[in-house]
Amino acid sequence: MFSQKRKFKNLKGLTLHAIYEGNDKNNPVVILCHGYGSSKDNESTHDLSKKLVTAGLSVYRFDFTGCGQSQGELSQLTPDQGQDDLKSAVKNLNAKKFALFGSSFGGYTSLIYASKNPVLALGLKAPVSNYPEVMKAKGNEKENKALDFTKEAFKYDVYELAAKIQAPTLIVHGGNDDDVPLSQIQKLVKSLGGEKELSIIHGGTHQMRGPAMQDAHNQLTKFFVNHLL
């Protein structure tokens, strides 16, 4: 078993923190992208990481700008900054091949990245594909930080980008998710260009805790094992 704490810079010069862990560095690796305002060390990310490592995979989990141990303010974490952070993390990992997992904002970031770069497999949990719609529904589109975020989000047609993704993809989504509407998920599934699967988690909210979280993570672990080992 190995566990390495890592630091790296993004293009803004901010120091981001990561953990690279597993049983063998030769094992296939999954990069984990957490949700907005969350961290690499939250309960959900930690649980999925443990399951993947136990199953024989390696994991690289990092904190986005303004999250967890990473430098910066959360208000700086926009769609473009998410791409910069993920690309910087990939460079730090220095692996030629890897799979990608993303939750909510991390799923949104992973979708955009995977549409432009090869990944072995793509696992998503409640990914956002239309941020302006989600933010309008929450009634916070008039906040200053939301205005900057939404302005960038309009640049990305995630459904159009998803058509370019050929990696096998699994999306798990809570049946009681009030933050990301199921209609977004269904449109995303139809848009994806490669092999894809959608699993609705009974009783799962957007945060997906308890039994729903375990169900989602068991399915994601099986998916990554089937495509990487």
C-alpha atoms as a PDB file:
ATOM      1  CA  MET A   1       0.000   0.000   0.000  1.00  0.00           C
ATOM      2  CA  PHE A   2       1.309   3.473  -0.876  1.00  0.00           C
ATOM      3  CA  SER A   3      -0.061   6.937  -0.175  1.00  0.00           C
ATOM      4  CA  GLN A   4       1.697  10.033  -1.502  1.00  0.00           C
ATOM      5  CA  LYS A   5       0.792  13.617  -0.634  1.00  0.00           C
ATOM      6  CA  ARG A   6       1.450  15.846  -3.616  1.00  0.00           C
ATOM      7  CA  LYS A   7       1.494  19.570  -4.419  1.00  0.00           C
ATOM      8  CA  PHE A   8       1.408  21.230  -7.817  1.00  0.00           C
ATOM      9  CA  LYS A   9       0.738  24.619  -9.384  1.00  0.00           C
ATOM     10  CA  ASN A  10      -2.106  25.610 -11.676  1.00  0.00           C
ATOM     11  CA  LEU A  11      -1.710  28.293 -14.350  1.00  0.00           C
ATOM     12  CA  LYS A  12      -2.581  31.012 -11.819  1.00  0.00           C
ATOM     13  CA  GLY A  13       0.388  29.909  -9.726  1.00  0.00           C
ATOM     14  CA  LEU A  14      -1.825  28.647  -6.910  1.00  0.00           C
ATOM     15  CA  THR A  15      -0.698  25.528  -5.058  1.00  0.00           C
ATOM     16  CA  LEU A  16      -3.159  22.648  -5.264  1.00  0.00           C
ATOM     17  CA  HIS A  17      -3.009  19.534  -3.098  1.00  0.00           C
ATOM     18  CA  ALA A  18      -3.519  15.893  -4.058  1.00  0.00           C
ATOM     19  CA  ILE A  19      -3.174  12.356  -2.772  1.00  0.00           C
ATOM     20  CA  TYR A  20      -1.997   9.467  -4.954  1.00  0.00           C
ATOM     21  CA  GLU A  21      -2.722   6.095  -3.362  1.00  0.00           C
ATOM     22  CA  GLY A  22      -3.132   2.403  -4.038  1.00  0.00           C
ATOM     23  CA  ASN A  23      -1.537  -1.003  -3.571  1.00  0.00           C
ATOM     24  CA  ASP A  24       0.769  -0.932  -6.587  1.00  0.00           C
ATOM     25  CA  LYS A  25       1.863   2.019  -8.754  1.00  0.00           C
ATOM     26  CA  ASN A  26       1.581  -0.236 -11.801  1.00  0.00           C
ATOM     27  CA  ASN A  27      -2.178  -0.583 -11.285  1.00  0.00           C
ATOM     28  CA  PRO A  28      -4.514   1.465 -13.501  1.00  0.00           C
ATOM     29  CA  VAL A  29      -5.400   4.825 -11.947  1.00  0.00           C
ATOM     30  CA  VAL A  30      -8.657   6.747 -11.590  1.00  0.00           C
ATOM     31  CA  ILE A  31      -8.540  10.532 -11.115  1.00  0.00           C
ATOM     32  CA  LEU A  32     -11.302  11.725  -8.769  1.00  0.00           C
ATOM     33  CA  CYS A  33     -12.883  15.172  -9.242  1.00  0.00           C
ATOM     34  CA  HIS A  34     -15.017  16.294  -6.299  1.00  0.00           C
ATOM     35  CA  GLY A  35     -18.063  18.573  -6.316  1.00  0.00           C
ATOM     36  CA  TYR A  36     -18.165  22.361  -5.985  1.00  0.00           C
ATOM     37  CA  GLY A  37     -16.992  23.542  -2.568  1.00  0.00           C
ATOM     38  CA  SER A  38     -16.179  19.993  -1.478  1.00  0.00           C
ATOM     39  CA  SER A  39     -12.756  18.338  -1.224  1.00  0.00           C
ATOM     40  CA  LYS A  40     -10.643  15.280  -1.914  1.00  0.00           C
ATOM     41  CA  ASP A  41     -11.040  14.315   1.747  1.00  0.00           C
ATOM     42  CA  ASN A  42     -14.812  14.460   2.149  1.00  0.00           C
ATOM     43  CA  GLU A  43     -16.739  11.359   3.188  1.00  0.00           C
ATOM     44  CA  SER A  44     -17.952  10.504  -0.300  1.00  0.00           C
ATOM     45  CA  THR A  45     -14.612  10.914  -2.110  1.00  0.00           C
ATOM     46  CA  HIS A  46     -12.861   9.011   0.661  1.00  0.00           C
ATOM     47  CA  ASP A  47     -15.355   6.138   0.459  1.00  0.00           C
ATOM     48  CA  LEU A  48     -15.071   5.756  -3.318  1.00  0.00           C
ATOM     49  CA  SER A  49     -11.288   5.945  -3.132  1.00  0.00           C
ATOM     50  CA  LYS A  50     -11.185   3.163  -0.541  1.00  0.00           C
ATOM     51  CA  LYS A  51     -13.445   0.932  -2.631  1.00  0.00           C
ATOM     52  CA  LEU A  52     -11.384   1.457  -5.794  1.00  0.00           C
ATOM     53  CA  VAL A  53      -8.088   0.749  -4.023  1.00  0.00           C
ATOM     54  CA  THR A  54      -9.513  -2.390  -2.380  1.00  0.00           C
ATOM     55  CA  ALA A  55     -10.629  -3.557  -5.835  1.00  0.00           C
ATOM     56  CA  GLY A  56      -7.073  -3.288  -7.191  1.00  0.00           C
ATOM     57  CA  LEU A  57      -7.006   0.186  -8.724  1.00  0.00           C
ATOM     58  CA  SER A  58      -4.951   3.254  -7.849  1.00  0.00           C
ATOM     59  CA  VAL A  59      -6.539   6.625  -7.121  1.00  0.00           C
ATOM     60  CA  TYR A  60      -5.415  10.216  -7.609  1.00  0.00           C
ATOM     61  CA  ARG A  61      -7.680  12.685  -5.801  1.00  0.00           C
ATOM     62  CA  PHE A  62      -7.057  16.431  -5.685  1.00  0.00           C
ATOM     63  CA  ASP A  63      -8.605  19.648  -4.367  1.00  0.00           C
ATOM     64  CA  PHE A  64      -9.846  22.221  -6.877  1.00  0.00           C
ATOM     65  CA  THR A  65      -8.951  25.904  -6.400  1.00  0.00           C
ATOM     66  CA  GLY A  66     -10.378  27.288  -3.161  1.00  0.00           C
ATOM     67  CA  CYS A  67     -11.346  23.834  -1.900  1.00  0.00           C
ATOM     68  CA  GLY A  68      -9.872  21.619   0.809  1.00  0.00           C
ATOM     69  CA  GLN A  69      -6.155  22.283   1.234  1.00  0.00           C
ATOM     70  CA  SER A  70      -5.681  24.070  -2.089  1.00  0.00           C
ATOM     71  CA  GLN A  71      -4.949  27.778  -2.311  1.00  0.00           C
ATOM     72  CA  GLY A  72      -7.355  30.371  -3.664  1.00  0.00           C
ATOM     73  CA  GLU A  73     -10.948  31.402  -2.984  1.00  0.00           C
ATOM     74  CA  LEU A  74     -13.977  29.343  -3.921  1.00  0.00           C
ATOM     75  CA  SER A  75     -15.272  32.280  -5.963  1.00  0.00           C
ATOM     76  CA  GLN A  76     -12.279  31.755  -8.274  1.00  0.00           C
ATOM     77  CA  LEU A  77     -13.467  28.256  -9.163  1.00  0.00           C
ATOM     78  CA  THR A  78     -15.222  28.742 -12.497  1.00  0.00           C
ATOM     79  CA  PRO A  79     -15.659  26.332 -15.441  1.00  0.00           C
ATOM     80  CA  ASP A  80     -12.411  27.537 -17.039  1.00  0.00           C
ATOM     81  CA  GLN A  81     -10.535  27.294 -13.751  1.00  0.00           C
ATOM     82  CA  GLY A  82     -11.859  23.768 -13.264  1.00  0.00           C
ATOM     83  CA  GLN A  83     -10.335  22.797 -16.615  1.00  0.00           C
ATOM     84  CA  ASP A  84      -7.020  24.385 -15.687  1.00  0.00           C
ATOM     85  CA  ASP A  85      -6.964  22.590 -12.337  1.00  0.00           C
ATOM     86  CA  LEU A  86      -7.766  19.204 -13.860  1.00  0.00           C
ATOM     87  CA  LYS A  87      -5.173  19.603 -16.624  1.00  0.00           C
ATOM     88  CA  SER A  88      -2.582  20.596 -14.019  1.00  0.00           C
ATOM     89  CA  ALA A  89      -3.519  17.531 -11.951  1.00  0.00           C
ATOM     90  CA  VAL A  90      -3.138  15.258 -14.976  1.00  0.00           C
ATOM     91  CA  LYS A  91       0.296  16.737 -15.636  1.00  0.00           C
ATOM     92  CA  ASN A  92       1.308  16.139 -12.019  1.00  0.00           C
ATOM     93  CA  LEU A  93       0.075  12.541 -12.099  1.00  0.00           C
ATOM     94  CA  ASN A  94       2.211  11.952 -15.201  1.00  0.00           C
ATOM     95  CA  ALA A  95       0.318   8.855 -16.328  1.00  0.00           C
ATOM     96  CA  LYS A  96      -0.156   8.153 -20.041  1.00  0.00           C
ATOM     97  CA  LYS A  97      -3.474   6.404 -19.476  1.00  0.00           C
ATOM     98  CA  PHE A  98      -6.081   6.899 -16.769  1.00  0.00           C
ATOM     99  CA  ALA A  99      -9.809   6.863 -16.076  1.00  0.00           C
ATOM    100  CA  LEU A 100     -11.785   9.812 -14.778  1.00  0.00           C
ATOM    101  CA  PHE A 101     -14.514  10.198 -12.153  1.00  0.00           C
ATOM    102  CA  GLY A 102     -16.450  13.369 -11.433  1.00  0.00           C
ATOM    103  CA  SER A 103     -19.251  14.335  -9.047  1.00  0.00           C
ATOM    104  CA  SER A 104     -21.571  17.295  -9.785  1.00  0.00           C
ATOM    105  CA  PHE A 105     -19.187  20.167 -10.736  1.00  0.00           C
ATOM    106  CA  GLY A 106     -16.422  17.559 -10.949  1.00  0.00           C
ATOM    107  CA  GLY A 107     -18.617  15.635 -13.381  1.00  0.00           C
ATOM    108  CA  TYR A 108     -19.146  18.760 -15.463  1.00  0.00           C
ATOM    109  CA  THR A 109     -15.389  19.361 -15.509  1.00  0.00           C
ATOM    110  CA  SER A 110     -14.703  15.719 -16.384  1.00  0.00           C
ATOM    111  CA  LEU A 111     -17.166  15.778 -19.287  1.00  0.00           C
ATOM    112  CA  ILE A 112     -15.511  18.809 -20.864  1.00  0.00           C
ATOM    113  CA  TYR A 113     -12.042  17.329 -20.367  1.00  0.00           C
ATOM    114  CA  ALA A 114     -13.010  13.912 -21.774  1.00  0.00           C
ATOM    115  CA  SER A 115     -14.489  15.528 -24.882  1.00  0.00           C
ATOM    116  CA  LYS A 116     -11.052  16.879 -25.760  1.00  0.00           C
ATOM    117  CA  ASN A 117      -8.660  14.323 -24.270  1.00  0.00           C
ATOM    118  CA  PRO A 118      -8.554  10.498 -24.222  1.00  0.00           C
ATOM    119  CA  VAL A 119      -9.574   8.704 -21.026  1.00  0.00           C
ATOM    120  CA  LEU A 120      -9.917   4.965 -20.464  1.00  0.00           C
ATOM    121  CA  ALA A 121     -13.340   5.216 -18.836  1.00  0.00           C
ATOM    122  CA  LEU A 122     -15.602   7.923 -17.431  1.00  0.00           C
ATOM    123  CA  GLY A 123     -17.653   7.543 -14.255  1.00  0.00           C
ATOM    124  CA  LEU A 124     -20.042  10.338 -13.263  1.00  0.00           C
ATOM    125  CA  LYS A 125     -22.216  10.972 -10.214  1.00  0.00           C
ATOM    126  CA  ALA A 126     -24.986  13.558 -10.606  1.00  0.00           C
ATOM    127  CA  PRO A 127     -22.993  15.517 -13.206  1.00  0.00           C
ATOM    128  CA  VAL A 128     -24.146  19.011 -14.140  1.00  0.00           C
ATOM    129  CA  SER A 129     -24.435  19.499 -17.887  1.00  0.00           C
ATOM    130  CA  ASN A 130     -26.348  22.815 -17.985  1.00  0.00           C
ATOM    131  CA  TYR A 131     -25.094  25.125 -15.235  1.00  0.00           C
ATOM    132  CA  PRO A 132     -27.116  28.228 -16.220  1.00  0.00           C
ATOM    133  CA  GLU A 133     -30.300  26.165 -15.866  1.00  0.00           C
ATOM    134  CA  VAL A 134     -29.260  24.778 -12.474  1.00  0.00           C
ATOM    135  CA  MET A 135     -28.250  28.185 -11.115  1.00  0.00           C
ATOM    136  CA  LYS A 136     -31.429  29.858 -12.342  1.00  0.00           C
ATOM    137  CA  ALA A 137     -33.514  27.177 -10.634  1.00  0.00           C
ATOM    138  CA  LYS A 138     -31.662  27.887  -7.362  1.00  0.00           C
ATOM    139  CA  GLY A 139     -32.344  31.609  -7.692  1.00  0.00           C
ATOM    140  CA  ASN A 140     -28.692  32.639  -7.269  1.00  0.00           C
ATOM    141  CA  GLU A 141     -27.893  33.679 -10.807  1.00  0.00           C
ATOM    142  CA  LYS A 142     -27.831  37.335  -9.703  1.00  0.00           C
ATOM    143  CA  GLU A 143     -24.990  36.896  -7.223  1.00  0.00           C
ATOM    144  CA  ASN A 144     -21.729  38.454  -8.394  1.00  0.00           C
ATOM    145  CA  LYS A 145     -19.760  35.234  -8.194  1.00  0.00           C
ATOM    146  CA  ALA A 146     -22.579  33.405  -9.949  1.00  0.00           C
ATOM    147  CA  LEU A 147     -22.570  35.949 -12.766  1.00  0.00           C
ATOM    148  CA  ASP A 148     -18.890  35.288 -13.479  1.00  0.00           C
ATOM    149  CA  PHE A 149     -19.440  31.549 -13.252  1.00  0.00           C
ATOM    150  CA  THR A 150     -22.519  31.587 -15.493  1.00  0.00           C
ATOM    151  CA  LYS A 151     -20.813  33.796 -18.095  1.00  0.00           C
ATOM    152  CA  GLU A 152     -18.156  31.139 -18.552  1.00  0.00           C
ATOM    153  CA  ALA A 153     -20.677  28.289 -18.407  1.00  0.00           C
ATOM    154  CA  PHE A 154     -22.474  29.698 -21.452  1.00  0.00           C
ATOM    155  CA  LYS A 155     -19.302  29.040 -23.472  1.00  0.00           C
ATOM    156  CA  TYR A 156     -19.700  25.282 -23.078  1.00  0.00           C
ATOM    157  CA  ASP A 157     -22.381  23.282 -24.864  1.00  0.00           C
ATOM    158  CA  VAL A 158     -21.813  20.114 -22.866  1.00  0.00           C
ATOM    159  CA  TYR A 159     -24.318  18.120 -24.899  1.00  0.00           C
ATOM    160  CA  GLU A 160     -22.448  18.941 -28.103  1.00  0.00           C
ATOM    161  CA  LEU A 161     -19.143  18.131 -26.426  1.00  0.00           C
ATOM    162  CA  ALA A 162     -20.494  14.850 -25.055  1.00  0.00           C
ATOM    163  CA  ALA A 163     -21.029  13.569 -28.585  1.00  0.00           C
ATOM    164  CA  LYS A 164     -17.238  13.563 -28.966  1.00  0.00           C
ATOM    165  CA  ILE A 165     -16.697  11.286 -25.959  1.00  0.00           C
ATOM    166  CA  GLN A 166     -15.992   7.708 -27.008  1.00  0.00           C
ATOM    167  CA  ALA A 167     -14.882   6.363 -23.623  1.00  0.00           C
ATOM    168  CA  PRO A 168     -17.292   3.954 -21.907  1.00  0.00           C
ATOM    169  CA  THR A 169     -19.366   6.022 -19.486  1.00  0.00           C
ATOM    170  CA  LEU A 170     -21.469   5.234 -16.427  1.00  0.00           C
ATOM    171  CA  ILE A 171     -23.705   7.873 -14.868  1.00  0.00           C
ATOM    172  CA  VAL A 172     -25.249   7.286 -11.439  1.00  0.00           C
ATOM    173  CA  HIS A 173     -27.956   9.731 -10.389  1.00  0.00           C
ATOM    174  CA  GLY A 174     -30.138  10.021  -7.304  1.00  0.00           C
ATOM    175  CA  GLY A 175     -33.839   9.444  -7.825  1.00  0.00           C
ATOM    176  CA  ASN A 176     -34.530  12.312  -5.374  1.00  0.00           C
ATOM    177  CA  ASP A 177     -31.919  14.741  -6.703  1.00  0.00           C
ATOM    178  CA  ASP A 178     -33.454  18.242  -6.500  1.00  0.00           C
ATOM    179  CA  ASP A 179     -30.311  20.067  -7.673  1.00  0.00           C
ATOM    180  CA  VAL A 180     -29.606  18.455 -11.051  1.00  0.00           C
ATOM    181  CA  PRO A 181     -32.852  17.575 -12.869  1.00  0.00           C
ATOM    182  CA  LEU A 182     -33.199  14.118 -14.354  1.00  0.00           C
ATOM    183  CA  SER A 183     -34.052  15.750 -17.693  1.00  0.00           C
ATOM    184  CA  GLN A 184     -30.452  17.034 -17.882  1.00  0.00           C
ATOM    185  CA  ILE A 185     -29.091  13.574 -17.193  1.00  0.00           C
ATOM    186  CA  GLN A 186     -31.337  11.941 -19.783  1.00  0.00           C
ATOM    187  CA  LYS A 187     -30.345  14.491 -22.431  1.00  0.00           C
ATOM    188  CA  LEU A 188     -26.691  13.937 -21.550  1.00  0.00           C
ATOM    189  CA  VAL A 189     -26.988  10.164 -21.924  1.00  0.00           C
ATOM    190  CA  LYS A 190     -28.552  10.587 -25.361  1.00  0.00           C
ATOM    191  CA  SER A 191     -25.754  12.967 -26.365  1.00  0.00           C
ATOM    192  CA  LEU A 192     -22.810  10.757 -25.371  1.00  0.00           C
ATOM    193  CA  GLY A 193     -21.011   9.295 -28.371  1.00  0.00           C
ATOM    194  CA  GLY A 194     -19.702   6.031 -26.964  1.00  0.00           C
ATOM    195  CA  GLU A 195     -20.893   3.142 -24.817  1.00  0.00           C
ATOM    196  CA  LYS A 196     -23.019   4.554 -21.993  1.00  0.00           C
ATOM    197  CA  GLU A 197     -25.156   3.465 -19.069  1.00  0.00           C
ATOM    198  CA  LEU A 198     -27.444   5.330 -16.653  1.00  0.00           C
ATOM    199  CA  SER A 199     -28.283   4.024 -13.191  1.00  0.00           C
ATOM    200  CA  ILE A 200     -30.917   5.756 -11.067  1.00  0.00           C
ATOM    201  CA  ILE A 201     -30.172   5.316  -7.365  1.00  0.00           C
ATOM    202  CA  HIS A 202     -33.397   4.785  -5.404  1.00  0.00           C
ATOM    203  CA  GLY A 203     -33.800   7.350  -2.638  1.00  0.00           C
ATOM    204  CA  GLY A 204     -30.585   9.151  -3.559  1.00  0.00           C
ATOM    205  CA  THR A 205     -30.397  12.935  -3.197  1.00  0.00           C
ATOM    206  CA  HIS A 206     -27.779  15.121  -4.859  1.00  0.00           C
ATOM    207  CA  GLN A 207     -25.447  14.602  -1.891  1.00  0.00           C
ATOM    208  CA  MET A 208     -26.106  10.845  -2.001  1.00  0.00           C
ATOM    209  CA  ARG A 209     -25.308   9.739   1.545  1.00  0.00           C
ATOM    210  CA  GLY A 210     -25.833   6.480   3.419  1.00  0.00           C
ATOM    211  CA  PRO A 211     -27.120   3.406   1.538  1.00  0.00           C
ATOM    212  CA  ALA A 212     -27.567   5.434  -1.669  1.00  0.00           C
ATOM    213  CA  MET A 213     -23.903   6.454  -1.604  1.00  0.00           C
ATOM    214  CA  GLN A 214     -22.818   2.857  -1.021  1.00  0.00           C
ATOM    215  CA  ASP A 215     -24.984   1.655  -3.911  1.00  0.00           C
ATOM    216  CA  ALA A 216     -23.601   4.321  -6.249  1.00  0.00           C
ATOM    217  CA  HIS A 217     -19.986   3.668  -5.278  1.00  0.00           C
ATOM    218  CA  ASN A 218     -20.351  -0.108  -5.579  1.00  0.00           C
ATOM    219  CA  GLN A 219     -21.672   0.338  -9.120  1.00  0.00           C
ATOM    220  CA  LEU A 220     -18.908   2.776 -10.023  1.00  0.00           C
ATOM    221  CA  THR A 221     -16.242   0.466  -8.618  1.00  0.00           C
ATOM    222  CA  LYS A 222     -17.572  -2.477 -10.615  1.00  0.00           C
ATOM    223  CA  PHE A 223     -17.671  -0.301 -13.734  1.00  0.00           C
ATOM    224  CA  PHE A 224     -14.051   0.839 -13.381  1.00  0.00           C
ATOM    225  CA  VAL A 225     -12.836  -2.677 -12.571  1.00  0.00           C
ATOM    226  CA  ASN A 226     -14.590  -4.086 -15.651  1.00  0.00           C
ATOM    227  CA  HIS A 227     -12.999  -1.513 -17.941  1.00  0.00           C
ATOM    228  CA  LEU A 228      -9.541  -1.188 -16.382  1.00  0.00           C
ATOM    229  CA  LEU A 229      -8.567  -4.628 -15.046  1.00  0.00           C
END
